[in-house]
Amino acid sequence: MISGDTAPTDSVAKACNGCDVLLHEMYDDTMSGSSEGETPSAYFSAFHTSPQELAVIAGKARPKLLVLYHQMGRPVVDGHMLDALRAAGYNGAVVAARDLDVY
């Protein structure tokens, strides 16, 4: 299942319901600054999913594998996004997607 580019919604958890793979976007809620002058937290919290929100959604959805895609914030290679999701309480299988990865 693919979440799309979305703010948190219970419909993702309901549609996944133990699915094999859930691809979900997530933003780094520790970002600061913005090119348009709006704080990232105001913009991103309105239109995207934070680590805390995704931990709740994925906990309800129970995917066999959660794949983070459309990650906004720090580079994927530093593992910060996975650490943030774990710190938010998600303990399931999760990977951070990179172009051309196969799951």
N, C-alpha and C. Protein backbone atom coordinates (compact mmCIF):
# COMPACT_ATOMS: atom_id res chain seq x y z
N MET A 1 0.84 -1.17 0.00
CA MET A 1 0.00 0.00 0.00
C MET A 1 0.89 1.24 0.00
N ILE A 2 0.48 2.28 -0.71
CA ILE A 2 1.22 3.55 -0.77
C ILE A 2 0.34 4.64 -0.18
N SER A 3 0.89 5.38 0.79
CA SER A 3 0.12 6.44 1.44
C SER A 3 -0.13 7.63 0.53
N GLY A 4 0.78 7.88 -0.38
CA GLY A 4 0.74 9.13 -1.13
C GLY A 4 1.34 10.24 -0.29
N ASP A 5 1.31 11.42 -0.78
CA ASP A 5 1.85 12.59 -0.11
C ASP A 5 0.73 13.14 0.77
N THR A 6 0.76 12.85 2.08
CA THR A 6 -0.42 13.11 2.89
C THR A 6 -0.14 13.51 4.33
N ALA A 7 -1.08 14.24 4.87
CA ALA A 7 -1.13 14.44 6.31
C ALA A 7 -1.64 13.14 6.92
N PRO A 8 -1.49 12.95 8.23
CA PRO A 8 -1.94 11.70 8.84
C PRO A 8 -3.43 11.45 8.61
N THR A 9 -3.74 10.18 8.34
CA THR A 9 -5.14 9.79 8.16
C THR A 9 -5.31 8.34 8.59
N ASP A 10 -6.39 8.06 9.31
CA ASP A 10 -6.66 6.70 9.75
C ASP A 10 -6.98 5.76 8.59
N SER A 11 -7.36 6.32 7.46
CA SER A 11 -7.71 5.47 6.32
C SER A 11 -6.52 4.64 5.84
N VAL A 12 -5.30 5.15 6.04
CA VAL A 12 -4.11 4.38 5.65
C VAL A 12 -4.01 3.12 6.49
N ALA A 13 -4.18 3.25 7.80
CA ALA A 13 -4.11 2.09 8.70
C ALA A 13 -5.22 1.09 8.37
N LYS A 14 -6.40 1.60 8.11
CA LYS A 14 -7.53 0.71 7.79
C LYS A 14 -7.29 -0.03 6.48
N ALA A 15 -6.77 0.66 5.48
CA ALA A 15 -6.53 0.03 4.18
C ALA A 15 -5.38 -0.97 4.24
N CYS A 16 -4.35 -0.67 5.02
CA CYS A 16 -3.21 -1.58 5.13
C CYS A 16 -3.61 -2.83 5.92
N ASN A 17 -4.06 -2.65 7.13
CA ASN A 17 -4.57 -3.75 7.96
C ASN A 17 -3.73 -5.02 7.87
N GLY A 18 -2.42 -4.90 8.21
CA GLY A 18 -1.53 -6.05 8.17
C GLY A 18 -0.93 -6.33 6.81
N CYS A 19 -0.95 -5.35 5.92
CA CYS A 19 -0.43 -5.53 4.56
C CYS A 19 1.05 -5.92 4.58
N ASP A 20 1.51 -6.44 3.46
CA ASP A 20 2.92 -6.85 3.36
C ASP A 20 3.85 -5.65 3.46
N VAL A 21 3.59 -4.61 2.66
CA VAL A 21 4.46 -3.44 2.61
C VAL A 21 3.61 -2.17 2.63
N LEU A 22 3.97 -1.26 3.52
CA LEU A 22 3.35 0.06 3.56
C LEU A 22 4.43 1.08 3.23
N LEU A 23 4.25 1.81 2.13
CA LEU A 23 5.13 2.91 1.78
C LEU A 23 4.48 4.18 2.30
N HIS A 24 5.19 4.92 3.14
CA HIS A 24 4.60 6.12 3.74
C HIS A 24 5.63 7.23 3.78
N GLU A 25 5.18 8.45 3.51
CA GLU A 25 6.05 9.60 3.59
C GLU A 25 6.22 10.04 5.04
N MET A 26 7.27 10.83 5.31
CA MET A 26 7.51 11.34 6.65
C MET A 26 8.43 12.55 6.56
N TYR A 27 8.19 13.53 7.44
CA TYR A 27 9.08 14.68 7.48
C TYR A 27 9.83 14.72 8.80
N ASP A 28 10.98 15.38 8.78
CA ASP A 28 11.81 15.56 9.96
C ASP A 28 11.25 16.73 10.76
N ASP A 29 10.63 16.45 11.89
CA ASP A 29 10.00 17.52 12.66
C ASP A 29 10.98 18.35 13.48
N THR A 30 12.29 18.13 13.29
CA THR A 30 13.29 18.97 13.95
C THR A 30 13.87 20.02 13.00
N MET A 31 13.34 20.10 11.77
CA MET A 31 13.84 21.07 10.78
C MET A 31 13.57 22.49 11.25
N SER A 32 14.40 23.40 10.80
CA SER A 32 14.15 24.82 11.08
C SER A 32 14.44 25.63 9.83
N GLY A 33 13.78 26.76 9.72
CA GLY A 33 13.98 27.64 8.57
C GLY A 33 13.10 27.26 7.40
N SER A 34 12.85 28.23 6.53
CA SER A 34 12.01 27.99 5.36
C SER A 34 12.32 29.04 4.31
N SER A 35 12.30 28.61 3.07
CA SER A 35 12.59 29.57 2.00
C SER A 35 11.45 30.56 1.81
N GLU A 36 10.23 30.20 2.20
CA GLU A 36 9.11 31.11 2.03
C GLU A 36 8.78 31.88 3.30
N GLY A 37 9.57 31.71 4.36
CA GLY A 37 9.34 32.44 5.59
C GLY A 37 8.37 31.77 6.54
N GLU A 38 7.68 30.72 6.11
CA GLU A 38 6.77 30.00 6.98
C GLU A 38 7.57 28.95 7.75
N THR A 39 7.25 28.75 9.01
CA THR A 39 7.98 27.74 9.77
C THR A 39 7.66 26.36 9.21
N PRO A 40 8.67 25.52 9.10
CA PRO A 40 8.42 24.18 8.57
C PRO A 40 7.37 23.43 9.36
N SER A 41 7.35 23.60 10.67
CA SER A 41 6.38 22.85 11.45
C SER A 41 4.95 23.20 11.07
N ALA A 42 4.67 24.45 10.78
CA ALA A 42 3.31 24.85 10.39
C ALA A 42 2.94 24.25 9.03
N TYR A 43 3.82 24.37 8.07
CA TYR A 43 3.55 23.82 6.74
C TYR A 43 3.49 22.29 6.77
N PHE A 44 4.57 21.68 7.28
CA PHE A 44 4.66 20.23 7.23
C PHE A 44 3.59 19.55 8.08
N SER A 45 3.27 20.11 9.23
CA SER A 45 2.25 19.47 10.07
C SER A 45 0.87 19.54 9.43
N ALA A 46 0.65 20.51 8.56
CA ALA A 46 -0.64 20.62 7.88
C ALA A 46 -0.77 19.65 6.70
N PHE A 47 0.35 19.32 6.05
CA PHE A 47 0.28 18.55 4.81
C PHE A 47 1.08 17.25 4.79
N HIS A 48 1.83 16.95 5.84
CA HIS A 48 2.69 15.78 5.86
C HIS A 48 2.60 15.07 7.21
N THR A 49 3.38 14.01 7.38
CA THR A 49 3.28 13.16 8.57
C THR A 49 4.59 13.18 9.35
N SER A 50 4.49 13.49 10.63
CA SER A 50 5.67 13.52 11.51
C SER A 50 6.03 12.11 11.98
N PRO A 51 7.22 11.92 12.54
CA PRO A 51 7.58 10.60 13.07
C PRO A 51 6.58 10.11 14.12
N GLN A 52 6.13 10.98 15.00
CA GLN A 52 5.18 10.59 16.04
C GLN A 52 3.85 10.14 15.43
N GLU A 53 3.40 10.87 14.44
CA GLU A 53 2.13 10.52 13.78
C GLU A 53 2.26 9.21 13.01
N LEU A 54 3.40 9.02 12.34
CA LEU A 54 3.59 7.79 11.58
C LEU A 54 3.74 6.59 12.50
N ALA A 55 4.35 6.77 13.66
CA ALA A 55 4.46 5.67 14.62
C ALA A 55 3.07 5.17 15.02
N VAL A 56 2.14 6.07 15.21
CA VAL A 56 0.76 5.69 15.56
C VAL A 56 0.08 4.99 14.39
N ILE A 57 0.19 5.59 13.20
CA ILE A 57 -0.45 5.00 12.01
C ILE A 57 0.10 3.61 11.73
N ALA A 58 1.43 3.48 11.73
CA ALA A 58 2.05 2.19 11.42
C ALA A 58 1.74 1.16 12.52
N GLY A 59 1.64 1.61 13.75
CA GLY A 59 1.27 0.71 14.83
C GLY A 59 -0.13 0.13 14.63
N LYS A 60 -1.05 0.95 14.16
CA LYS A 60 -2.41 0.50 13.87
C LYS A 60 -2.45 -0.35 12.59
N ALA A 61 -1.65 0.03 11.59
CA ALA A 61 -1.67 -0.64 10.29
C ALA A 61 -1.01 -2.02 10.34
N ARG A 62 0.01 -2.19 11.17
CA ARG A 62 0.73 -3.45 11.33
C ARG A 62 1.29 -4.01 10.02
N PRO A 63 2.00 -3.20 9.23
CA PRO A 63 2.58 -3.75 8.00
C PRO A 63 3.71 -4.71 8.33
N LYS A 64 3.94 -5.66 7.45
CA LYS A 64 5.10 -6.54 7.65
C LYS A 64 6.39 -5.76 7.45
N LEU A 65 6.35 -4.75 6.57
CA LEU A 65 7.50 -3.87 6.35
C LEU A 65 6.99 -2.46 6.08
N LEU A 66 7.52 -1.50 6.81
CA LEU A 66 7.23 -0.09 6.58
C LEU A 66 8.41 0.50 5.81
N VAL A 67 8.13 1.14 4.69
CA VAL A 67 9.16 1.76 3.87
C VAL A 67 8.92 3.26 3.88
N LEU A 68 9.90 4.01 4.37
CA LEU A 68 9.81 5.48 4.36
C LEU A 68 10.23 5.99 3.00
N TYR A 69 9.36 6.75 2.36
CA TYR A 69 9.70 7.37 1.08
C TYR A 69 9.28 8.83 1.16
N HIS A 70 9.64 9.62 0.20
CA HIS A 70 9.34 11.06 0.20
C HIS A 70 9.69 11.64 1.57
N GLN A 71 10.93 11.37 1.98
CA GLN A 71 11.42 11.83 3.28
C GLN A 71 11.91 13.26 3.15
N MET A 72 11.36 14.11 3.98
CA MET A 72 11.71 15.53 3.92
C MET A 72 12.48 15.91 5.16
N GLY A 73 13.66 16.46 4.95
CA GLY A 73 14.49 16.87 6.07
C GLY A 73 15.92 16.45 5.85
N ARG A 74 16.48 15.84 6.86
CA ARG A 74 17.88 15.43 6.79
C ARG A 74 18.07 14.34 5.74
N PRO A 75 19.32 14.19 5.26
CA PRO A 75 19.57 13.15 4.25
C PRO A 75 19.24 11.76 4.77
N VAL A 76 18.75 10.91 3.91
CA VAL A 76 18.38 9.55 4.28
C VAL A 76 19.59 8.78 4.80
N VAL A 77 20.77 9.06 4.27
CA VAL A 77 21.94 8.26 4.60
C VAL A 77 22.37 8.36 6.06
N ASP A 78 21.97 9.40 6.78
CA ASP A 78 22.46 9.53 8.15
C ASP A 78 21.61 8.75 9.16
N GLY A 79 20.52 8.13 8.74
CA GLY A 79 19.70 7.31 9.62
C GLY A 79 18.83 8.08 10.58
N HIS A 80 18.83 9.41 10.50
CA HIS A 80 18.07 10.23 11.43
C HIS A 80 16.57 9.94 11.36
N MET A 81 16.05 9.74 10.16
CA MET A 81 14.61 9.51 10.02
C MET A 81 14.21 8.19 10.68
N LEU A 82 15.01 7.15 10.51
CA LEU A 82 14.71 5.88 11.16
C LEU A 82 14.81 6.02 12.67
N ASP A 83 15.83 6.74 13.14
CA ASP A 83 15.99 6.97 14.58
C ASP A 83 14.81 7.74 15.15
N ALA A 84 14.33 8.73 14.41
CA ALA A 84 13.19 9.54 14.87
C ALA A 84 11.93 8.69 14.97
N LEU A 85 11.73 7.80 14.02
CA LEU A 85 10.55 6.93 14.05
C LEU A 85 10.64 5.95 15.22
N ARG A 86 11.82 5.40 15.45
CA ARG A 86 12.02 4.49 16.58
C ARG A 86 11.80 5.23 17.91
N ALA A 87 12.34 6.44 18.01
CA ALA A 87 12.18 7.23 19.23
C ALA A 87 10.71 7.56 19.48
N ALA A 88 9.92 7.63 18.42
CA ALA A 88 8.49 7.91 18.54
C ALA A 88 7.71 6.67 18.96
N GLY A 89 8.37 5.53 19.03
CA GLY A 89 7.73 4.34 19.54
C GLY A 89 7.40 3.25 18.55
N TYR A 90 7.80 3.38 17.29
CA TYR A 90 7.51 2.32 16.32
C TYR A 90 8.60 1.26 16.39
N ASN A 91 8.21 0.01 16.59
CA ASN A 91 9.18 -1.08 16.75
C ASN A 91 9.10 -2.14 15.66
N GLY A 92 8.31 -1.90 14.63
CA GLY A 92 8.18 -2.86 13.54
C GLY A 92 9.34 -2.77 12.56
N ALA A 93 9.34 -3.65 11.58
CA ALA A 93 10.36 -3.64 10.53
C ALA A 93 10.19 -2.39 9.68
N VAL A 94 11.27 -1.64 9.51
CA VAL A 94 11.21 -0.37 8.77
C VAL A 94 12.54 -0.12 8.06
N VAL A 95 12.46 0.43 6.86
CA VAL A 95 13.64 0.84 6.11
C VAL A 95 13.38 2.21 5.50
N ALA A 96 14.45 2.92 5.23
CA ALA A 96 14.37 4.20 4.54
C ALA A 96 14.68 3.96 3.07
N ALA A 97 13.73 4.27 2.20
CA ALA A 97 13.89 4.00 0.77
C ALA A 97 14.91 4.92 0.14
N ARG A 98 15.56 4.36 -0.86
CA ARG A 98 16.48 5.11 -1.72
C ARG A 98 16.12 4.75 -3.15
N ASP A 99 16.40 5.64 -4.06
CA ASP A 99 16.12 5.36 -5.46
C ASP A 99 16.71 4.01 -5.88
N LEU A 100 15.93 3.25 -6.61
CA LEU A 100 16.27 1.96 -7.19
C LEU A 100 16.34 0.82 -6.17
N ASP A 101 15.98 1.04 -4.90
CA ASP A 101 15.90 -0.05 -3.94
C ASP A 101 14.82 -1.03 -4.35
N VAL A 102 14.97 -2.28 -3.98
CA VAL A 102 13.99 -3.32 -4.24
C VAL A 102 13.63 -3.97 -2.92
N TYR A 103 12.33 -4.14 -2.67
CA TYR A 103 11.86 -4.74 -1.40
C TYR A 103 10.98 -5.92 -1.69
